[in-house]
Every structure is written in C-alpha cells, then in structure tokens.
Amino acid sequence: MHPGMFAAALAYVIWGVFPLYFHHLADVPPLEMVLHRSVWSLVFVMGVLAWQRRWRWLLDVVKQPRVLATFAASTTFLSANWLLYVWAVQQGRVVEASLGYFINPLFNVLLGVLVLGERPRPLQWLAVAIAAAGVLWLGWQAGAPPWISLGLAASFGLYGLLRKTATLGALEGLALETLMLAPLAVPALLWAGLHGGSVATADAPRWLWLVAAGPLTAVPLLLFAFGARRVTLATLGLLQYLGPSIQFGLGVWVFHEALSTTRLVGFGLIWAALALYSFESLRAMRQR
C-alpha cells in the first residue's frame, strides 16, 4: 500500500474508536477535555521535536506572517471540531457525529471546486446532490438541520484543506497549532485544576487516561497530515469512510443509541451518495 494511503487509513481507524475513549471520560467537561488534548499534545510533539533536534523551522516560520495566519485558521477549525465532537460523544450522539464524517468526503468535493478549482465529474455532482437530499430529509424529520453533523463536516473539511495546502510538514504543523493554543490552554487547565476540575481530583489511573489524550490526539493527526499531503482529496474521501463506519457501529451496537426508520432513510441516501462517489472515483483512478 502507498505510504500516504496507509497513514491516512490508520488515522481514520484510530479516530473511529475515539468514542470509546471519550465515553470512558464522560465525567470530564468537553471544554476541559479539549484543554487536555491541546496541552498533552503539545508536550508529546515537543518531546518528539527535541528527540529529533528539529527547531530551525520555528525561527523561519516566525518571519512568515502568511504561514502563521494559515495555521491560526487551521488551529481554530481544529479546536472547534474537537469541542463539538467531544460534546456529541458525551451527550450520547455518536451516530449523529458519525454522520458528520460520512458527509465530509462530499464536502471535500465542494471545497475542491470552490477553493482549488477542481472540476468534479457528473456522477460526483450527482453524489453530492443525493447526499444533500439526505441531509434535508434528516433536517425535515427532526424539525431542524443536523447541526452537529454539518458542523463536524465543515470544521474538519476546512482543517484538512488548510493542512493539505500548508507549507509545513506534519510534525511541525501540529507543533505550531498546539503552540498557538498553549497561551490559552495551559492557563485555563491550571485554573480548572485549582477550581475543582478533573485534575484536582484525579488519581494515578485517571491521570494516565488524561495524559493519554496527547499521543491519542497527536498520532492520528500526524498520520492524517502525512497522508493528506501525499494523496488526492478524492482518495482521502474514500479512506474517510473507515472512521464514521466504526463510529456508527459503536453508536448503534455498543452505546445502543436509537436509530428510527425515518432516520435510516436519511442515512441511506447519504450512503448511496458515498457508494456512487466511490464507484466514480475508483473508475477514474483505474482510467488514470
């Protein structure tokens, strides 16, 4: 398997089982969980950079305002995605969160058109239209659009686009993102610890679970960034089905979330769109 494809696929599998981790820490407030992810990810990537003695890039980046602005935007989208996802899992809405990542590949098609100037083929446009019909159906049945799903799809799609076009490598990019969050995350986590947060009452096993947020967050992001720079958006779209499929299975069979027939109709339309999109993408790849 191509190294970029393997890295991206492994990242999606790890993200797929994330609900198990966040469900185990359901008593930690979502915002505080995001703070832990940010701080311990920073510690992890700084340790890797120190081990490899890779610091020169940081001096160069400070002199490039455009790069800093790009990563400030990617950091914003990443933080929003983290917060929304953790909240959804802790609220017992894993199935709805999985829908966001089912939609994301088709959202990438729109980003490719609007930002990168790509020209989707007719069947790809049809897939996007069918998925849009599925989203509209779910919104009509629920009385409101599936905001959690749409928010996750948009935030991660925009994050992926920015990382795909970024000039820094996977490790350096994640290090810069967590450094940008550090002035907010570190004081906020210390404040939470002094005011009865999860840190204040954590025993040794709980500390291990919280600190594990660092490598569990950093490793799949590094794998994703490595893979995203080496494969096309279409290939990323195909691989991304792994994550939400695992999440959907966990939501239905492990967490026993309700899945009505009317809701399945909306999911069915989106799955049909993904099947059509996959068929068209694979056909185009074979032709090339």
C-alpha atoms as a PDB file:
ATOM      1  CA  MET A   1       0.000   0.000   0.000  1.00  0.00           C
ATOM      2  CA  HIS A   2       1.151   3.554  -0.728  1.00  0.00           C
ATOM      3  CA  PRO A   3       2.703   5.110   2.448  1.00  0.00           C
ATOM      4  CA  GLY A   4       0.387   8.123   2.320  1.00  0.00           C
ATOM      5  CA  MET A   5      -2.672   5.932   1.885  1.00  0.00           C
ATOM      6  CA  PHE A   6      -1.644   3.637   4.758  1.00  0.00           C
ATOM      7  CA  ALA A   7      -1.017   6.589   7.088  1.00  0.00           C
ATOM      8  CA  ALA A   8      -4.373   8.197   6.320  1.00  0.00           C
ATOM      9  CA  ALA A   9      -6.235   4.880   6.683  1.00  0.00           C
ATOM     10  CA  LEU A  10      -4.642   4.204  10.085  1.00  0.00           C
ATOM     11  CA  ALA A  11      -5.567   7.722  11.225  1.00  0.00           C
ATOM     12  CA  TYR A  12      -9.215   7.136  10.329  1.00  0.00           C
ATOM     13  CA  VAL A  13      -9.288   3.791  12.164  1.00  0.00           C
ATOM     14  CA  ILE A  14      -7.926   5.440  15.326  1.00  0.00           C
ATOM     15  CA  TRP A  15     -10.499   8.237  15.027  1.00  0.00           C
ATOM     16  CA  GLY A  16     -13.166   5.590  14.558  1.00  0.00           C
ATOM     17  CA  VAL A  17     -12.590   4.127  18.029  1.00  0.00           C
ATOM     18  CA  PHE A  18     -12.296   7.542  19.725  1.00  0.00           C
ATOM     19  CA  PRO A  19     -15.850   7.351  21.170  1.00  0.00           C
ATOM     20  CA  LEU A  20     -14.663   4.552  23.472  1.00  0.00           C
ATOM     21  CA  TYR A  21     -12.027   6.863  24.954  1.00  0.00           C
ATOM     22  CA  PHE A  22     -14.269   9.910  25.369  1.00  0.00           C
ATOM     23  CA  HIS A  23     -17.130   7.806  26.701  1.00  0.00           C
ATOM     24  CA  HIS A  24     -14.784   6.465  29.393  1.00  0.00           C
ATOM     25  CA  LEU A  25     -14.035  10.080  30.401  1.00  0.00           C
ATOM     26  CA  ALA A  26     -17.639  11.265  30.141  1.00  0.00           C
ATOM     27  CA  ASP A  27     -17.429  12.985  33.536  1.00  0.00           C
ATOM     28  CA  VAL A  28     -14.771  15.403  32.235  1.00  0.00           C
ATOM     29  CA  PRO A  29     -16.476  18.532  30.768  1.00  0.00           C
ATOM     30  CA  PRO A  30     -15.997  18.845  26.977  1.00  0.00           C
ATOM     31  CA  LEU A  31     -14.067  22.133  27.158  1.00  0.00           C
ATOM     32  CA  GLU A  32     -11.729  20.743  29.795  1.00  0.00           C
ATOM     33  CA  MET A  33     -11.228  17.620  27.673  1.00  0.00           C
ATOM     34  CA  VAL A  34     -10.208  19.824  24.741  1.00  0.00           C
ATOM     35  CA  LEU A  35      -7.733  21.620  27.027  1.00  0.00           C
ATOM     36  CA  HIS A  36      -6.204  18.280  27.992  1.00  0.00           C
ATOM     37  CA  ARG A  37      -5.962  17.269  24.335  1.00  0.00           C
ATOM     38  CA  SER A  38      -4.206  20.509  23.468  1.00  0.00           C
ATOM     39  CA  VAL A  39      -1.748  20.607  26.382  1.00  0.00           C
ATOM     40  CA  TRP A  40      -0.707  16.948  26.316  1.00  0.00           C
ATOM     41  CA  SER A  41      -0.450  17.009  22.512  1.00  0.00           C
ATOM     42  CA  LEU A  42       1.949  19.935  22.857  1.00  0.00           C
ATOM     43  CA  VAL A  43       4.041  18.002  25.379  1.00  0.00           C
ATOM     44  CA  PHE A  44       4.093  14.993  23.061  1.00  0.00           C
ATOM     45  CA  VAL A  45       5.125  16.827  19.893  1.00  0.00           C
ATOM     46  CA  MET A  46       7.693  18.949  21.739  1.00  0.00           C
ATOM     47  CA  GLY A  47       9.224  15.722  23.030  1.00  0.00           C
ATOM     48  CA  VAL A  48       9.421  14.309  19.512  1.00  0.00           C
ATOM     49  CA  LEU A  49      10.972  17.528  18.167  1.00  0.00           C
ATOM     50  CA  ALA A  50      13.511  17.578  20.997  1.00  0.00           C
ATOM     51  CA  TRP A  51      14.434  13.968  20.301  1.00  0.00           C
ATOM     52  CA  GLN A  52      14.931  14.744  16.604  1.00  0.00           C
ATOM     53  CA  ARG A  53      16.507  18.176  17.271  1.00  0.00           C
ATOM     54  CA  ARG A  54      14.224  19.880  14.761  1.00  0.00           C
ATOM     55  CA  TRP A  55      13.861  23.502  15.847  1.00  0.00           C
ATOM     56  CA  ARG A  56      15.185  25.617  12.978  1.00  0.00           C
ATOM     57  CA  TRP A  57      11.833  25.669  11.182  1.00  0.00           C
ATOM     58  CA  LEU A  58      10.272  27.571  14.093  1.00  0.00           C
ATOM     59  CA  LEU A  59      12.631  30.529  13.638  1.00  0.00           C
ATOM     60  CA  ASP A  60      11.811  30.613   9.931  1.00  0.00           C
ATOM     61  CA  VAL A  61       8.018  30.436  10.490  1.00  0.00           C
ATOM     62  CA  VAL A  62       8.036  33.419  12.854  1.00  0.00           C
ATOM     63  CA  LYS A  63       9.173  35.547   9.905  1.00  0.00           C
ATOM     64  CA  GLN A  64       6.307  34.388   7.639  1.00  0.00           C
ATOM     65  CA  PRO A  65       3.015  36.109   8.568  1.00  0.00           C
ATOM     66  CA  ARG A  66       1.058  34.291   5.869  1.00  0.00           C
ATOM     67  CA  VAL A  67       2.065  30.874   7.239  1.00  0.00           C
ATOM     68  CA  LEU A  68       1.188  31.985  10.767  1.00  0.00           C
ATOM     69  CA  ALA A  69      -2.213  33.205   9.585  1.00  0.00           C
ATOM     70  CA  THR A  70      -2.896  29.895   7.808  1.00  0.00           C
ATOM     71  CA  PHE A  71      -2.092  27.903  10.905  1.00  0.00           C
ATOM     72  CA  ALA A  72      -4.079  30.245  13.124  1.00  0.00           C
ATOM     73  CA  ALA A  73      -7.074  29.396  10.935  1.00  0.00           C
ATOM     74  CA  SER A  74      -6.355  25.653  10.966  1.00  0.00           C
ATOM     75  CA  THR A  75      -5.968  25.791  14.759  1.00  0.00           C
ATOM     76  CA  THR A  76      -9.386  27.459  15.049  1.00  0.00           C
ATOM     77  CA  PHE A  77     -11.105  24.836  12.902  1.00  0.00           C
ATOM     78  CA  LEU A  78      -9.341  22.005  14.714  1.00  0.00           C
ATOM     79  CA  SER A  79     -10.325  23.308  18.159  1.00  0.00           C
ATOM     80  CA  ALA A  80     -13.948  23.759  17.082  1.00  0.00           C
ATOM     81  CA  ASN A  81     -14.006  20.218  15.711  1.00  0.00           C
ATOM     82  CA  TRP A  82     -12.539  18.802  18.931  1.00  0.00           C
ATOM     83  CA  LEU A  83     -15.032  20.615  21.150  1.00  0.00           C
ATOM     84  CA  LEU A  84     -18.086  19.696  19.091  1.00  0.00           C
ATOM     85  CA  TYR A  85     -17.050  16.064  18.758  1.00  0.00           C
ATOM     86  CA  VAL A  86     -16.289  15.523  22.459  1.00  0.00           C
ATOM     87  CA  TRP A  87     -19.580  17.182  23.397  1.00  0.00           C
ATOM     88  CA  ALA A  88     -21.522  14.991  20.941  1.00  0.00           C
ATOM     89  CA  VAL A  89     -19.973  11.755  22.242  1.00  0.00           C
ATOM     90  CA  GLN A  90     -20.574  12.699  25.869  1.00  0.00           C
ATOM     91  CA  GLN A  91     -24.186  13.593  25.060  1.00  0.00           C
ATOM     92  CA  GLY A  92     -24.806  10.142  23.576  1.00  0.00           C
ATOM     93  CA  ARG A  93     -24.914  11.381  19.976  1.00  0.00           C
ATOM     94  CA  VAL A  94     -22.208   9.205  18.444  1.00  0.00           C
ATOM     95  CA  VAL A  95     -24.427   8.220  15.497  1.00  0.00           C
ATOM     96  CA  GLU A  96     -25.074  11.879  14.667  1.00  0.00           C
ATOM     97  CA  ALA A  97     -21.349  12.603  14.965  1.00  0.00           C
ATOM     98  CA  SER A  98     -20.585   9.720  12.604  1.00  0.00           C
ATOM     99  CA  LEU A  99     -22.962  11.274  10.056  1.00  0.00           C
ATOM    100  CA  GLY A 100     -20.762  14.382  10.005  1.00  0.00           C
ATOM    101  CA  TYR A 101     -17.795  12.334   8.892  1.00  0.00           C
ATOM    102  CA  PHE A 102     -19.897  10.477   6.324  1.00  0.00           C
ATOM    103  CA  ILE A 103     -20.806  13.879   4.848  1.00  0.00           C
ATOM    104  CA  ASN A 104     -17.240  15.185   4.964  1.00  0.00           C
ATOM    105  CA  PRO A 105     -15.900  13.456   1.792  1.00  0.00           C
ATOM    106  CA  LEU A 106     -18.660  15.081  -0.243  1.00  0.00           C
ATOM    107  CA  PHE A 107     -17.996  18.393   1.490  1.00  0.00           C
ATOM    108  CA  ASN A 108     -14.405  17.975   0.268  1.00  0.00           C
ATOM    109  CA  VAL A 109     -15.743  17.854  -3.298  1.00  0.00           C
ATOM    110  CA  LEU A 110     -17.313  21.291  -2.819  1.00  0.00           C
ATOM    111  CA  LEU A 111     -14.101  22.633  -1.290  1.00  0.00           C
ATOM    112  CA  GLY A 112     -12.165  21.292  -4.241  1.00  0.00           C
ATOM    113  CA  VAL A 113     -14.479  23.197  -6.595  1.00  0.00           C
ATOM    114  CA  LEU A 114     -14.668  26.455  -4.644  1.00  0.00           C
ATOM    115  CA  VAL A 115     -11.074  26.710  -3.445  1.00  0.00           C
ATOM    116  CA  LEU A 116      -8.815  24.509  -5.572  1.00  0.00           C
ATOM    117  CA  GLY A 117     -10.611  24.964  -8.889  1.00  0.00           C
ATOM    118  CA  GLU A 118     -11.226  21.239  -9.342  1.00  0.00           C
ATOM    119  CA  ARG A 119     -13.896  20.102 -11.798  1.00  0.00           C
ATOM    120  CA  PRO A 120     -15.967  17.168 -10.492  1.00  0.00           C
ATOM    121  CA  ARG A 121     -17.391  14.723 -12.995  1.00  0.00           C
ATOM    122  CA  PRO A 122     -21.183  14.473 -13.496  1.00  0.00           C
ATOM    123  CA  LEU A 123     -21.552  11.387 -11.275  1.00  0.00           C
ATOM    124  CA  GLN A 124     -19.691  13.166  -8.498  1.00  0.00           C
ATOM    125  CA  TRP A 125     -22.113  16.069  -8.715  1.00  0.00           C
ATOM    126  CA  LEU A 126     -24.978  13.572  -8.584  1.00  0.00           C
ATOM    127  CA  ALA A 127     -23.476  12.043  -5.422  1.00  0.00           C
ATOM    128  CA  VAL A 128     -23.311  15.480  -3.794  1.00  0.00           C
ATOM    129  CA  ALA A 129     -26.960  16.140  -4.740  1.00  0.00           C
ATOM    130  CA  ILE A 130     -28.129  12.801  -3.261  1.00  0.00           C
ATOM    131  CA  ALA A 131     -26.208  13.482  -0.042  1.00  0.00           C
ATOM    132  CA  ALA A 132     -27.767  16.949   0.159  1.00  0.00           C
ATOM    133  CA  ALA A 133     -31.191  15.312  -0.187  1.00  0.00           C
ATOM    134  CA  GLY A 134     -30.305  13.013   2.722  1.00  0.00           C
ATOM    135  CA  VAL A 135     -29.302  15.958   4.903  1.00  0.00           C
ATOM    136  CA  LEU A 136     -32.503  17.814   4.002  1.00  0.00           C
ATOM    137  CA  TRP A 137     -34.568  14.731   4.840  1.00  0.00           C
ATOM    138  CA  LEU A 138     -32.922  14.380   8.252  1.00  0.00           C
ATOM    139  CA  GLY A 139     -33.433  18.076   8.930  1.00  0.00           C
ATOM    140  CA  TRP A 140     -37.096  17.931   7.900  1.00  0.00           C
ATOM    141  CA  GLN A 141     -37.786  14.875  10.070  1.00  0.00           C
ATOM    142  CA  ALA A 142     -36.024  16.367  13.098  1.00  0.00           C
ATOM    143  CA  GLY A 143     -37.503  19.832  12.632  1.00  0.00           C
ATOM    144  CA  ALA A 144     -34.006  21.357  12.395  1.00  0.00           C
ATOM    145  CA  PRO A 145     -30.866  20.746  10.339  1.00  0.00           C
ATOM    146  CA  PRO A 146     -28.400  18.184  11.760  1.00  0.00           C
ATOM    147  CA  TRP A 147     -26.114  20.930  13.070  1.00  0.00           C
ATOM    148  CA  ILE A 148     -23.716  18.588  14.843  1.00  0.00           C
ATOM    149  CA  SER A 149     -23.116  16.598  11.665  1.00  0.00           C
ATOM    150  CA  LEU A 150     -22.794  19.679   9.468  1.00  0.00           C
ATOM    151  CA  GLY A 151     -20.501  21.410  11.968  1.00  0.00           C
ATOM    152  CA  LEU A 152     -18.162  18.435  12.182  1.00  0.00           C
ATOM    153  CA  ALA A 153     -18.070  18.035   8.395  1.00  0.00           C
ATOM    154  CA  ALA A 154     -17.347  21.718   7.782  1.00  0.00           C
ATOM    155  CA  SER A 155     -14.743  22.185  10.523  1.00  0.00           C
ATOM    156  CA  PHE A 156     -12.753  19.082   9.630  1.00  0.00           C
ATOM    157  CA  GLY A 157     -13.080  19.650   5.892  1.00  0.00           C
ATOM    158  CA  LEU A 158     -11.683  23.171   6.192  1.00  0.00           C
ATOM    159  CA  TYR A 159      -8.945  21.937   8.520  1.00  0.00           C
ATOM    160  CA  GLY A 160      -7.967  19.241   6.028  1.00  0.00           C
ATOM    161  CA  LEU A 161      -7.903  21.743   3.176  1.00  0.00           C
ATOM    162  CA  LEU A 162      -5.626  24.113   5.083  1.00  0.00           C
ATOM    163  CA  ARG A 163      -3.273  21.301   6.081  1.00  0.00           C
ATOM    164  CA  LYS A 164      -3.157  19.976   2.521  1.00  0.00           C
ATOM    165  CA  THR A 165      -2.032  23.374   1.203  1.00  0.00           C
ATOM    166  CA  ALA A 166       0.250  24.211   4.173  1.00  0.00           C
ATOM    167  CA  THR A 167       4.000  24.559   3.748  1.00  0.00           C
ATOM    168  CA  LEU A 168       4.998  22.822   6.995  1.00  0.00           C
ATOM    169  CA  GLY A 169       5.334  19.106   7.483  1.00  0.00           C
ATOM    170  CA  ALA A 170       3.019  17.025   9.656  1.00  0.00           C
ATOM    171  CA  LEU A 171       5.015  17.228  12.890  1.00  0.00           C
ATOM    172  CA  GLU A 172       5.968  20.897  12.541  1.00  0.00           C
ATOM    173  CA  GLY A 173       2.402  21.871  11.617  1.00  0.00           C
ATOM    174  CA  LEU A 174       0.884  20.157  14.643  1.00  0.00           C
ATOM    175  CA  ALA A 175       3.577  21.640  16.879  1.00  0.00           C
ATOM    176  CA  LEU A 176       2.721  25.131  15.633  1.00  0.00           C
ATOM    177  CA  GLU A 177      -1.013  24.560  16.130  1.00  0.00           C
ATOM    178  CA  THR A 178      -0.590  23.367  19.715  1.00  0.00           C
ATOM    179  CA  LEU A 179       1.858  26.214  20.429  1.00  0.00           C
ATOM    180  CA  MET A 180      -0.773  28.679  19.253  1.00  0.00           C
ATOM    181  CA  LEU A 181      -3.302  27.112  21.625  1.00  0.00           C
ATOM    182  CA  ALA A 182      -0.880  26.942  24.569  1.00  0.00           C
ATOM    183  CA  PRO A 183      -1.276  30.579  25.815  1.00  0.00           C
ATOM    184  CA  LEU A 184      -4.983  29.864  26.284  1.00  0.00           C
ATOM    185  CA  ALA A 185      -4.992  26.157  27.063  1.00  0.00           C
ATOM    186  CA  VAL A 186      -2.275  25.984  29.747  1.00  0.00           C
ATOM    187  CA  PRO A 187      -3.640  28.781  31.998  1.00  0.00           C
ATOM    188  CA  ALA A 188      -7.200  27.536  31.504  1.00  0.00           C
ATOM    189  CA  LEU A 189      -6.241  23.994  32.513  1.00  0.00           C
ATOM    190  CA  LEU A 190      -4.376  25.279  35.571  1.00  0.00           C
ATOM    191  CA  TRP A 191      -7.414  27.361  36.531  1.00  0.00           C
ATOM    192  CA  ALA A 192      -9.673  24.324  36.148  1.00  0.00           C
ATOM    193  CA  GLY A 193      -7.329  22.321  38.380  1.00  0.00           C
ATOM    194  CA  LEU A 194      -7.475  24.962  41.110  1.00  0.00           C
ATOM    195  CA  HIS A 195     -11.254  25.170  40.951  1.00  0.00           C
ATOM    196  CA  GLY A 196     -12.256  21.533  41.251  1.00  0.00           C
ATOM    197  CA  GLY A 197     -11.646  20.319  37.696  1.00  0.00           C
ATOM    198  CA  SER A 198     -10.713  16.779  36.705  1.00  0.00           C
ATOM    199  CA  VAL A 199      -7.036  17.379  37.540  1.00  0.00           C
ATOM    200  CA  ALA A 200      -7.793  18.357  41.129  1.00  0.00           C
ATOM    201  CA  THR A 201      -9.475  15.050  41.968  1.00  0.00           C
ATOM    202  CA  ALA A 202      -7.626  12.691  39.608  1.00  0.00           C
ATOM    203  CA  ASP A 203      -5.869   9.610  40.947  1.00  0.00           C
ATOM    204  CA  ALA A 204      -2.955   7.925  39.162  1.00  0.00           C
ATOM    205  CA  PRO A 205      -5.062   5.855  36.710  1.00  0.00           C
ATOM    206  CA  ARG A 206      -7.177   8.907  35.819  1.00  0.00           C
ATOM    207  CA  TRP A 207      -4.001  10.935  35.240  1.00  0.00           C
ATOM    208  CA  LEU A 208      -2.805   8.276  32.796  1.00  0.00           C
ATOM    209  CA  TRP A 209      -6.108   8.443  30.917  1.00  0.00           C
ATOM    210  CA  LEU A 210      -5.954  12.247  30.713  1.00  0.00           C
ATOM    211  CA  VAL A 211      -2.297  12.388  29.664  1.00  0.00           C
ATOM    212  CA  ALA A 212      -3.025   9.734  27.030  1.00  0.00           C
ATOM    213  CA  ALA A 213      -5.085  12.410  25.264  1.00  0.00           C
ATOM    214  CA  GLY A 214      -1.752  13.771  23.984  1.00  0.00           C
ATOM    215  CA  PRO A 215      -0.499  10.826  21.927  1.00  0.00           C
ATOM    216  CA  LEU A 216      -4.047   9.703  21.102  1.00  0.00           C
ATOM    217  CA  THR A 217      -4.674  13.133  19.599  1.00  0.00           C
ATOM    218  CA  ALA A 218      -1.262  13.773  18.063  1.00  0.00           C
ATOM    219  CA  VAL A 219      -0.533  10.418  16.439  1.00  0.00           C
ATOM    220  CA  PRO A 220      -3.618  10.232  14.153  1.00  0.00           C
ATOM    221  CA  LEU A 221      -3.290  13.935  13.285  1.00  0.00           C
ATOM    222  CA  LEU A 222       0.331  13.353  12.286  1.00  0.00           C
ATOM    223  CA  LEU A 223      -0.687  10.330  10.261  1.00  0.00           C
ATOM    224  CA  PHE A 224      -3.503  12.305   8.613  1.00  0.00           C
ATOM    225  CA  ALA A 225      -1.287  15.299   7.798  1.00  0.00           C
ATOM    226  CA  PHE A 226       1.382  12.974   6.386  1.00  0.00           C
ATOM    227  CA  GLY A 227      -1.172  11.180   4.245  1.00  0.00           C
ATOM    228  CA  ALA A 228      -3.132  14.282   3.167  1.00  0.00           C
ATOM    229  CA  ARG A 229      -0.033  15.801   1.573  1.00  0.00           C
ATOM    230  CA  ARG A 230       0.610  12.644  -0.464  1.00  0.00           C
ATOM    231  CA  VAL A 231      -2.802  11.592  -1.759  1.00  0.00           C
ATOM    232  CA  THR A 232      -5.600  13.381  -3.583  1.00  0.00           C
ATOM    233  CA  LEU A 233      -8.736  14.743  -1.927  1.00  0.00           C
ATOM    234  CA  ALA A 234     -10.677  12.021  -3.745  1.00  0.00           C
ATOM    235  CA  THR A 235      -8.540   9.309  -2.143  1.00  0.00           C
ATOM    236  CA  LEU A 236      -8.960  10.939   1.272  1.00  0.00           C
ATOM    237  CA  GLY A 237     -12.700  10.867   0.687  1.00  0.00           C
ATOM    238  CA  LEU A 238     -12.632   7.125   0.029  1.00  0.00           C
ATOM    239  CA  LEU A 239     -10.496   6.361   3.081  1.00  0.00           C
ATOM    240  CA  GLN A 240     -12.565   8.540   5.378  1.00  0.00           C
ATOM    241  CA  TYR A 241     -15.451   6.072   5.327  1.00  0.00           C
ATOM    242  CA  LEU A 242     -13.439   3.928   7.765  1.00  0.00           C
ATOM    243  CA  GLY A 243     -13.769   6.348  10.690  1.00  0.00           C
ATOM    244  CA  PRO A 244     -17.516   7.060  10.603  1.00  0.00           C
ATOM    245  CA  SER A 245     -18.338   3.422   9.846  1.00  0.00           C
ATOM    246  CA  ILE A 246     -16.599   2.340  13.043  1.00  0.00           C
ATOM    247  CA  GLN A 247     -18.225   5.200  14.975  1.00  0.00           C
ATOM    248  CA  PHE A 248     -21.661   4.331  13.622  1.00  0.00           C
ATOM    249  CA  GLY A 249     -21.210   0.714  14.681  1.00  0.00           C
ATOM    250  CA  LEU A 250     -20.153   1.767  18.175  1.00  0.00           C
ATOM    251  CA  GLY A 251     -23.098   4.140  18.483  1.00  0.00           C
ATOM    252  CA  VAL A 252     -25.676   1.520  17.489  1.00  0.00           C
ATOM    253  CA  TRP A 253     -24.282  -1.729  18.909  1.00  0.00           C
ATOM    254  CA  VAL A 254     -22.105  -0.625  21.848  1.00  0.00           C
ATOM    255  CA  PHE A 255     -23.815   2.556  23.127  1.00  0.00           C
ATOM    256  CA  HIS A 256     -27.299   1.427  21.949  1.00  0.00           C
ATOM    257  CA  GLU A 257     -28.366   4.779  20.525  1.00  0.00           C
ATOM    258  CA  ALA A 258     -31.809   4.968  18.924  1.00  0.00           C
ATOM    259  CA  LEU A 259     -31.972   4.660  15.136  1.00  0.00           C
ATOM    260  CA  SER A 260     -35.506   5.096  13.778  1.00  0.00           C
ATOM    261  CA  THR A 261     -36.661   4.018  10.323  1.00  0.00           C
ATOM    262  CA  THR A 262     -37.116   7.630   9.180  1.00  0.00           C
ATOM    263  CA  ARG A 263     -33.584   8.427  10.300  1.00  0.00           C
ATOM    264  CA  LEU A 264     -32.277   5.398   8.415  1.00  0.00           C
ATOM    265  CA  VAL A 265     -33.810   6.814   5.207  1.00  0.00           C
ATOM    266  CA  GLY A 266     -31.592   9.889   5.503  1.00  0.00           C
ATOM    267  CA  PHE A 267     -28.540   7.773   6.282  1.00  0.00           C
ATOM    268  CA  GLY A 268     -29.431   5.518   3.356  1.00  0.00           C
ATOM    269  CA  LEU A 269     -29.441   8.440   0.929  1.00  0.00           C
ATOM    270  CA  ILE A 270     -26.029   9.571   2.175  1.00  0.00           C
ATOM    271  CA  TRP A 271     -24.633   6.034   1.992  1.00  0.00           C
ATOM    272  CA  ALA A 272     -25.975   5.738  -1.570  1.00  0.00           C
ATOM    273  CA  ALA A 273     -24.239   9.003  -2.434  1.00  0.00           C
ATOM    274  CA  LEU A 274     -20.986   7.715  -0.956  1.00  0.00           C
ATOM    275  CA  ALA A 275     -21.296   4.452  -2.895  1.00  0.00           C
ATOM    276  CA  LEU A 276     -21.826   6.363  -6.133  1.00  0.00           C
ATOM    277  CA  TYR A 277     -18.946   8.708  -5.352  1.00  0.00           C
ATOM    278  CA  SER A 278     -16.672   5.770  -4.527  1.00  0.00           C
ATOM    279  CA  PHE A 279     -17.579   3.963  -7.737  1.00  0.00           C
ATOM    280  CA  GLU A 280     -16.866   7.064  -9.829  1.00  0.00           C
ATOM    281  CA  SER A 281     -13.581   7.795  -8.028  1.00  0.00           C
ATOM    282  CA  LEU A 282     -12.336   4.226  -8.391  1.00  0.00           C
ATOM    283  CA  ARG A 283     -13.276   4.179 -12.069  1.00  0.00           C
ATOM    284  CA  ALA A 284     -11.386   7.404 -12.660  1.00  0.00           C
ATOM    285  CA  MET A 285      -8.351   6.089 -10.769  1.00  0.00           C
ATOM    286  CA  ARG A 286      -8.312   2.922 -12.921  1.00  0.00           C
ATOM    287  CA  GLN A 287      -8.521   5.018 -16.107  1.00  0.00           C
ATOM    288  CA  ARG A 288      -5.537   7.101 -14.983  1.00  0.00           C
END
